[in-house]
Amino acid sequence: MPNIKSAKKRVLVTSVKNLQNKMAKTALRTDLKKFELALAEGDKAKAAEMYKKAVVALDKAAAAGLIHKNNASNKKSRLAVRLNALQ
C-alpha cells in the first residue's frame, strides 16, 4: 500500500478508470453479440440496425484507446461482410 498522498490517489484513480474500461469493453461485446444474434435469426432489418450500433461502439472504443484502431477496422469489415452475405 502506498504511503505518499499522490501515490494513494493514483491507486484510486487507476481503479476507477479500470472499472470504466471494463464496463465499456463489456458494452462493446454486448453490442457485437446482439449483431451476431440478429444474424443468426436471419432478420435483415434488425441485423442492419445492430450493425450500425456495433460500428459506433467499435469507433468509440478505438477512440478511447480500449482497442486498437486497426482492430476496430478489421472487426467492422468482417461484420459488413457477414451482413452483406445475409442480404
Protein backbone atom coordinates (compact mmCIF):
# COMPACT_ATOMS: atom_id res chain seq x y z
CA MET A 1 0.00 0.00 0.00
CA PRO A 2 1.43 3.39 -0.90
CA ASN A 3 2.36 5.91 1.78
CA ILE A 4 2.65 9.02 -0.37
CA LYS A 5 -0.53 11.01 -0.92
CA SER A 6 -0.14 11.26 -4.69
CA ALA A 7 0.52 7.52 -4.94
CA LYS A 8 -2.63 6.80 -2.92
CA LYS A 9 -4.61 8.99 -5.30
CA ARG A 10 -3.13 7.21 -8.33
CA VAL A 11 -4.30 3.87 -6.89
CA LEU A 12 -7.85 5.22 -6.53
CA VAL A 13 -7.91 6.87 -9.95
CA THR A 14 -6.48 3.76 -11.61
CA SER A 15 -9.09 1.52 -10.03
CA VAL A 16 -11.93 3.82 -11.14
CA LYS A 17 -10.57 4.00 -14.70
CA ASN A 18 -10.10 0.24 -14.73
CA LEU A 19 -13.78 -0.25 -13.89
CA GLN A 20 -14.84 2.27 -16.55
CA ASN A 21 -12.76 0.47 -19.17
CA LYS A 22 -14.23 -2.89 -18.16
CA MET A 23 -17.76 -1.51 -18.45
CA ALA A 24 -17.04 -0.04 -21.87
CA LYS A 25 -15.50 -3.27 -23.17
CA THR A 26 -18.41 -5.29 -21.82
CA ALA A 27 -20.87 -2.96 -23.54
CA LEU A 28 -18.90 -3.33 -26.78
CA ARG A 29 -19.02 -7.12 -26.57
CA THR A 30 -22.75 -6.96 -25.84
CA ASP A 31 -23.37 -4.88 -28.97
CA LEU A 32 -21.35 -7.34 -31.04
CA LYS A 33 -23.29 -10.28 -29.60
CA LYS A 34 -26.61 -8.57 -30.39
CA PHE A 35 -25.48 -8.24 -34.01
CA GLU A 36 -24.47 -11.92 -34.06
CA LEU A 37 -27.88 -12.88 -32.66
CA ALA A 38 -29.69 -10.84 -35.30
CA LEU A 39 -27.60 -12.58 -37.97
CA ALA A 40 -28.39 -15.99 -36.54
CA GLU A 41 -32.10 -15.20 -36.59
CA GLY A 42 -31.81 -14.12 -40.23
CA ASP A 43 -33.57 -10.80 -39.56
CA LYS A 44 -32.10 -8.41 -42.14
CA ALA A 45 -33.61 -5.21 -40.76
CA LYS A 46 -32.61 -5.94 -37.17
CA ALA A 47 -29.14 -7.04 -38.28
CA ALA A 48 -28.65 -3.78 -40.20
CA GLU A 49 -29.73 -1.78 -37.15
CA MET A 50 -27.43 -3.75 -34.83
CA TYR A 51 -24.60 -3.34 -37.35
CA LYS A 52 -24.88 0.43 -37.09
CA LYS A 53 -24.80 0.27 -33.29
CA ALA A 54 -21.84 -2.12 -33.34
CA VAL A 55 -19.87 0.15 -35.69
CA VAL A 56 -20.49 3.16 -33.44
CA ALA A 57 -19.43 1.14 -30.40
CA LEU A 58 -16.26 -0.02 -32.15
CA ASP A 59 -15.38 3.53 -33.20
CA LYS A 60 -15.89 4.82 -29.66
CA ALA A 61 -13.78 2.03 -28.21
CA ALA A 62 -10.98 2.77 -30.69
CA ALA A 63 -11.16 6.49 -29.94
CA ALA A 64 -10.96 5.79 -26.20
CA GLY A 65 -7.97 3.51 -26.70
CA LEU A 66 -9.75 0.38 -25.48
CA ILE A 67 -8.94 -1.41 -28.71
CA HIS A 68 -6.50 -0.56 -31.48
CA LYS A 69 -7.93 1.37 -34.43
CA ASN A 70 -6.85 -1.37 -36.85
CA ASN A 71 -8.61 -3.95 -34.68
CA ALA A 72 -11.80 -1.88 -34.86
CA SER A 73 -11.43 -1.52 -38.62
CA ASN A 74 -10.94 -5.26 -39.10
CA LYS A 75 -13.98 -6.06 -36.95
CA LYS A 76 -16.15 -3.56 -38.84
CA SER A 77 -15.04 -5.04 -42.14
CA ARG A 78 -15.84 -8.59 -41.04
CA LEU A 79 -19.23 -7.52 -39.71
CA ALA A 80 -20.03 -5.79 -43.00
CA VAL A 81 -19.10 -8.89 -44.99
CA ARG A 82 -21.37 -11.05 -42.83
CA LEU A 83 -24.22 -8.54 -43.12
CA ASN A 84 -23.88 -8.39 -46.91
CA ALA A 85 -23.84 -12.19 -47.10
CA LEU A 86 -27.18 -12.24 -45.30
CA GLN A 87 -28.70 -9.87 -47.87
